[in-house]
């Protein structure tokens, strides 16, 4: 369990750092938009990609936080749908999962 918890904490730190970079990009900490219209168009497209990546990162971070909370409460290895044990191989592949394979397929 502690290996999984450490892996989740490492993932959380990585995602938090990634979010900081996305936020820095959105706040134009690297400088304002270029004066060239074509370059502005490219930068605006990049903004849309960064927005999408930020949304995905926040969703994954929320899953990690949820899994860590379940570990802290002592139920991290149990499926939150059916209560059965989650296969350790599934937890290795997807450490922030909170449901077993059967429940995930439903």
PDB file of N, CA and C in Angstrom:
ATOM      1  N   UNK A   1       0.836  -1.199   0.000  1.00  0.00           N
ATOM      2  CA  UNK A   1       0.000   0.000   0.000  1.00  0.00           C
ATOM      3  C   UNK A   1       0.873   1.252   0.000  1.00  0.00           C
ATOM      4  N   UNK A   2       1.980   1.221   0.755  1.00  0.00           N
ATOM      5  CA  UNK A   2       2.811   2.417   0.816  1.00  0.00           C
ATOM      6  C   UNK A   2       3.481   2.717  -0.517  1.00  0.00           C
ATOM      7  N   UNK A   3       3.795   1.659  -1.308  1.00  0.00           N
ATOM      8  CA  UNK A   3       4.365   1.890  -2.636  1.00  0.00           C
ATOM      9  C   UNK A   3       3.357   2.633  -3.505  1.00  0.00           C
ATOM     10  N   UNK A   4       2.126   2.205  -3.440  1.00  0.00           N
ATOM     11  CA  UNK A   4       1.068   2.857  -4.218  1.00  0.00           C
ATOM     12  C   UNK A   4       0.878   4.297  -3.741  1.00  0.00           C
ATOM     13  N   UNK A   5       0.872   4.482  -2.439  1.00  0.00           N
ATOM     14  CA  UNK A   5       0.704   5.826  -1.892  1.00  0.00           C
ATOM     15  C   UNK A   5       1.850   6.727  -2.353  1.00  0.00           C
ATOM     16  N   UNK A   6       3.092   6.219  -2.298  1.00  0.00           N
ATOM     17  CA  UNK A   6       4.218   7.040  -2.759  1.00  0.00           C
ATOM     18  C   UNK A   6       4.129   7.344  -4.237  1.00  0.00           C
ATOM     19  N   UNK A   7       3.684   6.359  -5.015  1.00  0.00           N
ATOM     20  CA  UNK A   7       3.524   6.595  -6.457  1.00  0.00           C
ATOM     21  C   UNK A   7       2.471   7.678  -6.705  1.00  0.00           C
ATOM     22  N   UNK A   8       1.372   7.607  -5.970  1.00  0.00           N
ATOM     23  CA  UNK A   8       0.321   8.620  -6.115  1.00  0.00           C
ATOM     24  C   UNK A   8       0.816  10.000  -5.679  1.00  0.00           C
ATOM     25  N   UNK A   9       1.586  10.055  -4.619  1.00  0.00           N
ATOM     26  CA  UNK A   9       2.127  11.342  -4.170  1.00  0.00           C
ATOM     27  C   UNK A   9       3.102  11.920  -5.194  1.00  0.00           C
ATOM     28  N   UNK A  10       3.888  11.055  -5.830  1.00  0.00           N
ATOM     29  CA  UNK A  10       4.802  11.504  -6.887  1.00  0.00           C
ATOM     30  C   UNK A  10       4.014  12.019  -8.084  1.00  0.00           C
ATOM     31  N   UNK A  11       2.978  11.277  -8.469  1.00  0.00           N
ATOM     32  CA  UNK A  11       2.118  11.722  -9.571  1.00  0.00           C
ATOM     33  C   UNK A  11       1.469  13.065  -9.242  1.00  0.00           C
ATOM     34  N   UNK A  12       1.014  13.206  -8.009  1.00  0.00           N
ATOM     35  CA  UNK A  12       0.386  14.459  -7.587  1.00  0.00           C
ATOM     36  C   UNK A  12       1.368  15.622  -7.702  1.00  0.00           C
ATOM     37  N   UNK A  13       2.599  15.411  -7.274  1.00  0.00           N
ATOM     38  CA  UNK A  13       3.616  16.468  -7.362  1.00  0.00           C
ATOM     39  C   UNK A  13       3.907  16.824  -8.821  1.00  0.00           C
ATOM     40  N   UNK A  14       4.009  15.810  -9.672  1.00  0.00           N
ATOM     41  CA  UNK A  14       4.259  16.055 -11.098  1.00  0.00           C
ATOM     42  C   UNK A  14       3.117  16.844 -11.731  1.00  0.00           C
ATOM     43  N   UNK A  15       1.888  16.441 -11.425  1.00  0.00           N
ATOM     44  CA  UNK A  15       0.731  17.127 -11.996  1.00  0.00           C
ATOM     45  C   UNK A  15       0.598  18.551 -11.468  1.00  0.00           C
ATOM     46  N   UNK A  16       0.918  18.748 -10.210  1.00  0.00           N
ATOM     47  CA  UNK A  16       0.862  20.092  -9.633  1.00  0.00           C
ATOM     48  C   UNK A  16       1.883  21.001 -10.317  1.00  0.00           C
ATOM     49  N   UNK A  17       3.064  20.474 -10.571  1.00  0.00           N
ATOM     50  CA  UNK A  17       4.091  21.250 -11.275  1.00  0.00           C
ATOM     51  C   UNK A  17       3.636  21.561 -12.701  1.00  0.00           C
ATOM     52  N   UNK A  18       3.020  20.587 -13.337  1.00  0.00           N
ATOM     53  CA  UNK A  18       2.515  20.786 -14.701  1.00  0.00           C
ATOM     54  C   UNK A  18       1.443  21.879 -14.715  1.00  0.00           C
ATOM     55  N   UNK A  19       0.553  21.856 -13.723  1.00  0.00           N
ATOM     56  CA  UNK A  19      -0.486  22.889 -13.631  1.00  0.00           C
ATOM     57  C   UNK A  19       0.125  24.281 -13.463  1.00  0.00           C
ATOM     58  N   UNK A  20       1.180  24.363 -12.700  1.00  0.00           N
ATOM     59  CA  UNK A  20       1.853  25.656 -12.520  1.00  0.00           C
ATOM     60  C   UNK A  20       2.376  26.181 -13.853  1.00  0.00           C
ATOM     61  N   UNK A  21       2.945  25.290 -14.658  1.00  0.00           N
ATOM     62  CA  UNK A  21       3.438  25.711 -15.974  1.00  0.00           C
ATOM     63  C   UNK A  21       2.284  26.149 -16.871  1.00  0.00           C
ATOM     64  N   UNK A  22       1.174  25.421 -16.828  1.00  0.00           N
ATOM     65  CA  UNK A  22       0.018  25.800 -17.648  1.00  0.00           C
ATOM     66  C   UNK A  22      -0.515  27.164 -17.227  1.00  0.00           C
ATOM     67  N   UNK A  23      -0.601  27.375 -15.916  1.00  0.00           N
ATOM     68  CA  UNK A  23      -1.101  28.654 -15.415  1.00  0.00           C
ATOM     69  C   UNK A  23      -0.158  29.796 -15.792  1.00  0.00           C
ATOM     70  N   UNK A  24       1.143  29.542 -15.740  1.00  0.00           N
ATOM     71  CA  UNK A  24       2.118  30.559 -16.140  1.00  0.00           C
ATOM     72  C   UNK A  24       1.929  30.906 -17.619  1.00  0.00           C
ATOM     73  N   UNK A  25       1.663  29.900 -18.423  1.00  0.00           N
ATOM     74  CA  UNK A  25       1.420  30.142 -19.848  1.00  0.00           C
ATOM     75  C   UNK A  25       0.161  30.986 -20.035  1.00  0.00           C
ATOM     76  N   UNK A  26      -0.896  30.643 -19.318  1.00  0.00           N
ATOM     77  CA  UNK A  26      -2.164  31.357 -19.462  1.00  0.00           C
ATOM     78  C   UNK A  26      -2.060  32.806 -18.993  1.00  0.00           C
ATOM     79  N   UNK A  27      -1.199  33.061 -18.031  1.00  0.00           N
ATOM     80  CA  UNK A  27      -1.032  34.424 -17.508  1.00  0.00           C
ATOM     81  C   UNK A  27       0.053  35.194 -18.261  1.00  0.00           C
ATOM     82  N   UNK A  28       0.530  34.592 -19.330  1.00  0.00           N
ATOM     83  CA  UNK A  28       1.537  35.225 -20.198  1.00  0.00           C
ATOM     84  C   UNK A  28       2.777  35.658 -19.421  1.00  0.00           C
ATOM     85  N   UNK A  29       3.204  34.811 -18.494  1.00  0.00           N
ATOM     86  CA  UNK A  29       4.393  35.141 -17.728  1.00  0.00           C
ATOM     87  C   UNK A  29       5.637  35.158 -18.609  1.00  0.00           C
ATOM     88  N   UNK A  30       5.556  34.537 -19.786  1.00  0.00           N
ATOM     89  CA  UNK A  30       6.670  34.554 -20.729  1.00  0.00           C
ATOM     90  C   UNK A  30       6.660  35.783 -21.618  1.00  0.00           C
ATOM     91  N   UNK A  31       5.651  36.627 -21.486  1.00  0.00           N
ATOM     92  CA  UNK A  31       5.547  37.830 -22.295  1.00  0.00           C
ATOM     93  C   UNK A  31       4.201  37.908 -22.992  1.00  0.00           C
ATOM     94  N   UNK A  32       3.879  39.087 -23.467  1.00  0.00           N
ATOM     95  CA  UNK A  32       2.597  39.331 -24.138  1.00  0.00           C
ATOM     96  C   UNK A  32       2.577  38.670 -25.515  1.00  0.00           C
ATOM     97  N   UNK A  33       1.406  38.694 -26.135  1.00  0.00           N
ATOM     98  CA  UNK A  33       1.275  38.168 -27.492  1.00  0.00           C
ATOM     99  C   UNK A  33       2.201  38.914 -28.440  1.00  0.00           C
ATOM    100  N   UNK A  34       2.665  38.194 -29.434  1.00  0.00           N
ATOM    101  CA  UNK A  34       3.525  38.773 -30.464  1.00  0.00           C
ATOM    102  C   UNK A  34       2.746  39.813 -31.257  1.00  0.00           C
ATOM    103  N   UNK A  35       3.440  40.766 -31.833  1.00  0.00           N
ATOM    104  CA  UNK A  35       2.772  41.809 -32.616  1.00  0.00           C
ATOM    105  C   UNK A  35       2.356  41.316 -33.992  1.00  0.00           C
ATOM    106  N   UNK A  36       3.017  40.275 -34.478  1.00  0.00           N
ATOM    107  CA  UNK A  36       2.690  39.693 -35.782  1.00  0.00           C
ATOM    108  C   UNK A  36       1.367  38.929 -35.671  1.00  0.00           C
ATOM    109  N   UNK A  37       0.411  39.256 -36.563  1.00  0.00           N
ATOM    110  CA  UNK A  37      -0.919  38.647 -36.499  1.00  0.00           C
ATOM    111  C   UNK A  37      -0.861  37.134 -36.648  1.00  0.00           C
ATOM    112  N   UNK A  38      -0.050  36.622 -37.563  1.00  0.00           N
ATOM    113  CA  UNK A  38       0.051  35.166 -37.763  1.00  0.00           C
ATOM    114  C   UNK A  38       0.601  34.493 -36.505  1.00  0.00           C
ATOM    115  N   UNK A  39       1.575  35.126 -35.903  1.00  0.00           N
ATOM    116  CA  UNK A  39       2.149  34.574 -34.673  1.00  0.00           C
ATOM    117  C   UNK A  39       1.117  34.614 -33.548  1.00  0.00           C
ATOM    118  N   UNK A  40       0.295  35.651 -33.503  1.00  0.00           N
ATOM    119  CA  UNK A  40      -0.779  35.730 -32.502  1.00  0.00           C
ATOM    120  C   UNK A  40      -1.762  34.579 -32.687  1.00  0.00           C
ATOM    121  N   UNK A  41      -2.075  34.276 -33.937  1.00  0.00           N
ATOM    122  CA  UNK A  41      -3.007  33.174 -34.217  1.00  0.00           C
ATOM    123  C   UNK A  41      -2.441  31.852 -33.696  1.00  0.00           C
ATOM    124  N   UNK A  42      -1.153  31.636 -33.919  1.00  0.00           N
ATOM    125  CA  UNK A  42      -0.507  30.417 -33.427  1.00  0.00           C
ATOM    126  C   UNK A  42      -0.522  30.383 -31.902  1.00  0.00           C
ATOM    127  N   UNK A  43      -0.217  31.511 -31.286  1.00  0.00           N
ATOM    128  CA  UNK A  43      -0.213  31.562 -29.826  1.00  0.00           C
ATOM    129  C   UNK A  43      -1.610  31.318 -29.259  1.00  0.00           C
ATOM    130  N   UNK A  44      -2.622  31.828 -29.930  1.00  0.00           N
ATOM    131  CA  UNK A  44      -4.000  31.614 -29.488  1.00  0.00           C
ATOM    132  C   UNK A  44      -4.383  30.140 -29.606  1.00  0.00           C
ATOM    133  N   UNK A  45      -3.954  29.493 -30.685  1.00  0.00           N
ATOM    134  CA  UNK A  45      -4.210  28.062 -30.825  1.00  0.00           C
ATOM    135  C   UNK A  45      -3.511  27.294 -29.707  1.00  0.00           C
ATOM    136  N   UNK A  46      -2.294  27.703 -29.387  1.00  0.00           N
ATOM    137  CA  UNK A  46      -1.565  27.069 -28.293  1.00  0.00           C
ATOM    138  C   UNK A  46      -2.329  27.225 -26.979  1.00  0.00           C
ATOM    139  N   UNK A  47      -2.952  28.387 -26.789  1.00  0.00           N
ATOM    140  CA  UNK A  47      -3.745  28.617 -25.580  1.00  0.00           C
ATOM    141  C   UNK A  47      -4.868  27.588 -25.460  1.00  0.00           C
ATOM    142  N   UNK A  48      -5.512  27.279 -26.576  1.00  0.00           N
ATOM    143  CA  UNK A  48      -6.604  26.300 -26.567  1.00  0.00           C
ATOM    144  C   UNK A  48      -6.087  24.912 -26.192  1.00  0.00           C
ATOM    145  N   UNK A  49      -4.923  24.559 -26.706  1.00  0.00           N
ATOM    146  CA  UNK A  49      -4.325  23.261 -26.374  1.00  0.00           C
ATOM    147  C   UNK A  49      -3.968  23.221 -24.888  1.00  0.00           C
ATOM    148  N   UNK A  50      -3.379  24.293 -24.388  1.00  0.00           N
ATOM    149  CA  UNK A  50      -2.999  24.355 -22.974  1.00  0.00           C
ATOM    150  C   UNK A  50      -4.248  24.296 -22.094  1.00  0.00           C
ATOM    151  N   UNK A  51      -5.330  24.957 -22.496  1.00  0.00           N
ATOM    152  CA  UNK A  51      -6.591  24.877 -21.739  1.00  0.00           C
ATOM    153  C   UNK A  51      -7.069  23.432 -21.629  1.00  0.00           C
ATOM    154  N   UNK A  52      -7.009  22.725 -22.734  1.00  0.00           N
ATOM    155  CA  UNK A  52      -7.442  21.331 -22.763  1.00  0.00           C
ATOM    156  C   UNK A  52      -6.544  20.466 -21.871  1.00  0.00           C
ATOM    157  N   UNK A  53      -5.241  20.662 -21.975  1.00  0.00           N
ATOM    158  CA  UNK A  53      -4.307  19.909 -21.135  1.00  0.00           C
ATOM    159  C   UNK A  53      -4.513  20.217 -19.658  1.00  0.00           C
ATOM    160  N   UNK A  54      -4.796  21.477 -19.356  1.00  0.00           N
ATOM    161  CA  UNK A  54      -5.032  21.867 -17.967  1.00  0.00           C
ATOM    162  C   UNK A  54      -6.288  21.179 -17.420  1.00  0.00           C
ATOM    163  N   UNK A  55      -7.334  21.122 -18.215  1.00  0.00           N
ATOM    164  CA  UNK A  55      -8.573  20.455 -17.792  1.00  0.00           C
ATOM    165  C   UNK A  55      -8.328  18.977 -17.517  1.00  0.00           C
ATOM    166  N   UNK A  56      -7.604  18.308 -18.414  1.00  0.00           N
ATOM    167  CA  UNK A  56      -7.293  16.888 -18.226  1.00  0.00           C
ATOM    168  C   UNK A  56      -6.435  16.675 -16.981  1.00  0.00           C
ATOM    169  N   UNK A  57      -5.466  17.548 -16.786  1.00  0.00           N
ATOM    170  CA  UNK A  57      -4.569  17.427 -15.638  1.00  0.00           C
ATOM    171  C   UNK A  57      -5.341  17.616 -14.331  1.00  0.00           C
ATOM    172  N   UNK A  58      -6.236  18.592 -14.297  1.00  0.00           N
ATOM    173  CA  UNK A  58      -7.046  18.812 -13.089  1.00  0.00           C
ATOM    174  C   UNK A  58      -7.938  17.597 -12.795  1.00  0.00           C
ATOM    175  N   UNK A  59      -8.485  16.983 -13.828  1.00  0.00           N
ATOM    176  CA  UNK A  59      -9.333  15.795 -13.633  1.00  0.00           C
ATOM    177  C   UNK A  59      -8.504  14.630 -13.077  1.00  0.00           C
ATOM    178  N   UNK A  60      -7.315  14.429 -13.633  1.00  0.00           N
ATOM    179  CA  UNK A  60      -6.452  13.352 -13.141  1.00  0.00           C
ATOM    180  C   UNK A  60      -6.002  13.628 -11.705  1.00  0.00           C
ATOM    181  N   UNK A  61      -5.704  14.883 -11.411  1.00  0.00           N
ATOM    182  CA  UNK A  61      -5.303  15.258 -10.058  1.00  0.00           C
ATOM    183  C   UNK A  61      -6.438  14.998  -9.057  1.00  0.00           C
ATOM    184  N   UNK A  62      -7.659  15.270  -9.461  1.00  0.00           N
ATOM    185  CA  UNK A  62      -8.814  15.007  -8.591  1.00  0.00           C
ATOM    186  C   UNK A  62      -8.942  13.507  -8.314  1.00  0.00           C
ATOM    187  N   UNK A  63      -8.701  12.674  -9.327  1.00  0.00           N
ATOM    188  CA  UNK A  63      -8.755  11.224  -9.130  1.00  0.00           C
ATOM    189  C   UNK A  63      -7.666  10.776  -8.157  1.00  0.00           C
ATOM    190  N   UNK A  64      -6.487  11.351  -8.287  1.00  0.00           N
ATOM    191  CA  UNK A  64      -5.381  10.999  -7.395  1.00  0.00           C
ATOM    192  C   UNK A  64      -5.707  11.411  -5.961  1.00  0.00           C
ATOM    193  N   UNK A  65      -6.236  12.601  -5.785  1.00  0.00           N
ATOM    194  CA  UNK A  65      -6.614  13.068  -4.442  1.00  0.00           C
ATOM    195  C   UNK A  65      -7.667  12.147  -3.826  1.00  0.00           C
ATOM    196  N   UNK A  66      -8.624  11.723  -4.645  1.00  0.00           N
ATOM    197  CA  UNK A  66      -9.682  10.821  -4.167  1.00  0.00           C
ATOM    198  C   UNK A  66      -9.080   9.476  -3.746  1.00  0.00           C
ATOM    199  N   UNK A  67      -8.180   8.941  -4.564  1.00  0.00           N
ATOM    200  CA  UNK A  67      -7.547   7.659  -4.240  1.00  0.00           C
ATOM    201  C   UNK A  67      -6.712   7.777  -2.967  1.00  0.00           C
ATOM    202  N   UNK A  68      -5.969   8.873  -2.820  1.00  0.00           N
ATOM    203  CA  UNK A  68      -5.174   9.069  -1.603  1.00  0.00           C
ATOM    204  C   UNK A  68      -6.063   9.172  -0.359  1.00  0.00           C
ATOM    205  N   UNK A  69      -7.185   9.852  -0.486  1.00  0.00           N
ATOM    206  CA  UNK A  69      -8.117   9.959   0.645  1.00  0.00           C
ATOM    207  C   UNK A  69      -8.646   8.580   1.037  1.00  0.00           C
ATOM    208  N   UNK A  70      -8.927   7.757   0.034  1.00  0.00           N
ATOM    209  CA  UNK A  70      -9.405   6.398   0.318  1.00  0.00           C
ATOM    210  C   UNK A  70      -8.320   5.559   0.993  1.00  0.00           C
ATOM    211  N   UNK A  71      -7.078   5.731   0.558  1.00  0.00           N
ATOM    212  CA  UNK A  71      -5.965   5.016   1.194  1.00  0.00           C
ATOM    213  C   UNK A  71      -5.844   5.453   2.650  1.00  0.00           C
ATOM    214  N   UNK A  72      -5.911   6.761   2.893  1.00  0.00           N
ATOM    215  CA  UNK A  72      -5.809   7.291   4.259  1.00  0.00           C
ATOM    216  C   UNK A  72      -6.918   6.749   5.158  1.00  0.00           C
ATOM    217  N   UNK A  73      -8.098   6.537   4.589  1.00  0.00           N
ATOM    218  CA  UNK A  73      -9.210   6.034   5.401  1.00  0.00           C
ATOM    219  C   UNK A  73      -9.209   4.506   5.504  1.00  0.00           C
ATOM    220  N   UNK A  74      -8.217   3.860   4.875  1.00  0.00           N
ATOM    221  CA  UNK A  74      -8.070   2.414   5.011  1.00  0.00           C
ATOM    222  C   UNK A  74      -8.853   1.573   4.024  1.00  0.00           C
ATOM    223  N   UNK A  75      -9.442   2.188   3.013  1.00  0.00           N
ATOM    224  CA  UNK A  75     -10.235   1.430   2.042  1.00  0.00           C
ATOM    225  C   UNK A  75      -9.703   1.570   0.612  1.00  0.00           C
ATOM    226  N   UNK A  76      -8.439   1.902   0.485  1.00  0.00           N
ATOM    227  CA  UNK A  76      -7.854   2.165  -0.828  1.00  0.00           C
ATOM    228  C   UNK A  76      -7.788   0.978  -1.755  1.00  0.00           C
ATOM    229  N   UNK A  77      -7.789  -0.244  -1.204  1.00  0.00           N
ATOM    230  CA  UNK A  77      -7.720  -1.443  -2.038  1.00  0.00           C
ATOM    231  C   UNK A  77      -9.092  -2.050  -2.316  1.00  0.00           C
ATOM    232  N   UNK A  78     -10.139  -1.431  -1.800  1.00  0.00           N
ATOM    233  CA  UNK A  78     -11.495  -1.944  -1.999  1.00  0.00           C
ATOM    234  C   UNK A  78     -12.201  -1.153  -3.089  1.00  0.00           C
ATOM    235  N   UNK A  79     -12.983  -1.852  -3.886  1.00  0.00           N
ATOM    236  CA  UNK A  79     -13.783  -1.202  -4.922  1.00  0.00           C
ATOM    237  C   UNK A  79     -14.853  -0.359  -4.240  1.00  0.00           C
ATOM    238  N   UNK A  80     -14.961   0.897  -4.655  1.00  0.00           N
ATOM    239  CA  UNK A  80     -15.963   1.748  -4.021  1.00  0.00           C
ATOM    240  C   UNK A  80     -17.369   1.465  -4.516  1.00  0.00           C
ATOM    241  N   UNK A  81     -17.507   0.621  -5.557  1.00  0.00           N
ATOM    242  CA  UNK A  81     -18.843   0.253  -6.030  1.00  0.00           C
ATOM    243  C   UNK A  81     -19.358  -1.015  -5.370  1.00  0.00           C
ATOM    244  N   UNK A  82     -18.535  -2.074  -5.403  1.00  0.00           N
ATOM    245  CA  UNK A  82     -19.021  -3.361  -4.895  1.00  0.00           C
ATOM    246  C   UNK A  82     -18.386  -3.787  -3.581  1.00  0.00           C
ATOM    247  N   UNK A  83     -17.304  -3.125  -3.181  1.00  0.00           N
ATOM    248  CA  UNK A  83     -16.660  -3.448  -1.913  1.00  0.00           C
ATOM    249  C   UNK A  83     -15.654  -4.577  -1.976  1.00  0.00           C
ATOM    250  N   UNK A  84     -15.530  -5.230  -3.119  1.00  0.00           N
ATOM    251  CA  UNK A  84     -14.554  -6.318  -3.273  1.00  0.00           C
ATOM    252  C   UNK A  84     -13.153  -5.727  -3.420  1.00  0.00           C
ATOM    253  N   UNK A  85     -12.153  -6.578  -3.218  1.00  0.00           N
ATOM    254  CA  UNK A  85     -10.765  -6.130  -3.362  1.00  0.00           C
ATOM    255  C   UNK A  85     -10.466  -5.832  -4.835  1.00  0.00           C
ATOM    256  N   UNK A  86      -9.718  -4.760  -5.070  1.00  0.00           N
ATOM    257  CA  UNK A  86      -9.281  -4.418  -6.427  1.00  0.00           C
ATOM    258  C   UNK A  86      -8.018  -5.225  -6.697  1.00  0.00           C
ATOM    259  N   UNK A  87      -7.971  -5.867  -7.847  1.00  0.00           N
ATOM    260  CA  UNK A  87      -6.821  -6.683  -8.231  1.00  0.00           C
ATOM    261  C   UNK A  87      -5.549  -5.837  -8.160  1.00  0.00           C
ATOM    262  N   UNK A  88      -4.528  -6.314  -7.447  1.00  0.00           N
ATOM    263  CA  UNK A  88      -3.278  -5.551  -7.328  1.00  0.00           C
ATOM    264  C   UNK A  88      -2.640  -5.218  -8.679  1.00  0.00           C
ATOM    265  N   UNK A  89      -2.839  -6.081  -9.675  1.00  0.00           N
ATOM    266  CA  UNK A  89      -2.297  -5.791 -11.013  1.00  0.00           C
ATOM    267  C   UNK A  89      -2.979  -4.564 -11.607  1.00  0.00           C
ATOM    268  N   UNK A  90      -4.264  -4.416 -11.352  1.00  0.00           N
ATOM    269  CA  UNK A  90      -4.983  -3.225 -11.831  1.00  0.00           C
ATOM    270  C   UNK A  90      -4.453  -1.972 -11.137  1.00  0.00           C
ATOM    271  N   UNK A  91      -4.190  -2.088  -9.846  1.00  0.00           N
ATOM    272  CA  UNK A  91      -3.668  -0.947  -9.098  1.00  0.00           C
ATOM    273  C   UNK A  91      -2.259  -0.566  -9.553  1.00  0.00           C
ATOM    274  N   UNK A  92      -1.491  -1.551 -10.023  1.00  0.00           N
ATOM    275  CA  UNK A  92      -0.158  -1.249 -10.552  1.00  0.00           C
ATOM    276  C   UNK A  92      -0.255  -0.450 -11.837  1.00  0.00           C
ATOM    277  N   UNK A  93      -1.190  -0.842 -12.690  1.00  0.00           N
ATOM    278  CA  UNK A  93      -1.348  -0.183 -13.989  1.00  0.00           C
ATOM    279  C   UNK A  93      -2.028   1.175 -13.840  1.00  0.00           C
ATOM    280  N   UNK A  94      -3.021   1.236 -12.973  1.00  0.00           N
ATOM    281  CA  UNK A  94      -3.820   2.449 -12.799  1.00  0.00           C
ATOM    282  C   UNK A  94      -3.911   2.745 -11.294  1.00  0.00           C
ATOM    283  N   UNK A  95      -2.849   3.304 -10.707  1.00  0.00           N
ATOM    284  CA  UNK A  95      -2.797   3.439  -9.244  1.00  0.00           C
ATOM    285  C   UNK A  95      -3.887   4.305  -8.635  1.00  0.00           C
ATOM    286  N   UNK A  96      -4.522   5.157  -9.415  1.00  0.00           N
ATOM    287  CA  UNK A  96      -5.564   6.020  -8.838  1.00  0.00           C
ATOM    288  C   UNK A  96      -6.972   5.487  -9.076  1.00  0.00           C
ATOM    289  N   UNK A  97      -7.071   4.244  -9.529  1.00  0.00           N
ATOM    290  CA  UNK A  97      -8.403   3.674  -9.704  1.00  0.00           C
ATOM    291  C   UNK A  97      -9.043   3.409  -8.339  1.00  0.00           C
ATOM    292  N   UNK A  98     -10.352   3.480  -8.306  1.00  0.00           N
ATOM    293  CA  UNK A  98     -11.076   3.194  -7.070  1.00  0.00           C
ATOM    294  C   UNK A  98     -12.156   2.139  -7.295  1.00  0.00           C
ATOM    295  N   UNK A  99     -12.135   1.541  -8.484  1.00  0.00           N
ATOM    296  CA  UNK A  99     -13.107   0.482  -8.790  1.00  0.00           C
ATOM    297  C   UNK A  99     -12.403  -0.723  -9.409  1.00  0.00           C
ATOM    298  N   UNK A 100     -12.994  -1.895  -9.193  1.00  0.00           N
ATOM    299  CA  UNK A 100     -12.453  -3.119  -9.772  1.00  0.00           C
ATOM    300  C   UNK A 100     -12.766  -3.172 -11.273  1.00  0.00           C
ATOM    301  N   UNK A 101     -12.184  -4.139 -11.959  1.00  0.00           N
ATOM    302  CA  UNK A 101     -12.370  -4.271 -13.406  1.00  0.00           C
ATOM    303  C   UNK A 101     -13.853  -4.498 -13.727  1.00  0.00           C
ATOM    304  N   UNK A 102     -14.500  -5.367 -12.972  1.00  0.00           N
ATOM    305  CA  UNK A 102     -15.913  -5.673 -13.259  1.00  0.00           C
ATOM    306  C   UNK A 102     -16.786  -4.426 -13.169  1.00  0.00           C
ATOM    307  N   UNK A 103     -16.588  -3.642 -12.122  1.00  0.00           N
ATOM    308  CA  UNK A 103     -17.395  -2.431 -11.948  1.00  0.00           C
ATOM    309  C   UNK A 103     -17.034  -1.360 -12.986  1.00  0.00           C
ATOM    310  N   UNK A 104     -15.770  -1.316 -13.369  1.00  0.00           N
ATOM    311  CA  UNK A 104     -15.348  -0.341 -14.387  1.00  0.00           C
ATOM    312  C   UNK A 104     -15.981  -0.657 -15.730  1.00  0.00           C
ATOM    313  N   UNK A 105     -16.194  -1.933 -16.008  1.00  0.00           N
ATOM    314  CA  UNK A 105     -16.802  -2.335 -17.283  1.00  0.00           C
ATOM    315  C   UNK A 105     -18.298  -2.061 -17.327  1.00  0.00           C
ATOM    316  N   UNK A 106     -18.928  -1.983 -16.144  1.00  0.00           N
ATOM    317  CA  UNK A 106     -20.379  -1.740 -16.086  1.00  0.00           C
ATOM    318  C   UNK A 106     -20.685  -0.335 -16.363  1.00  0.00           C
TER     319      UNK A 106
END
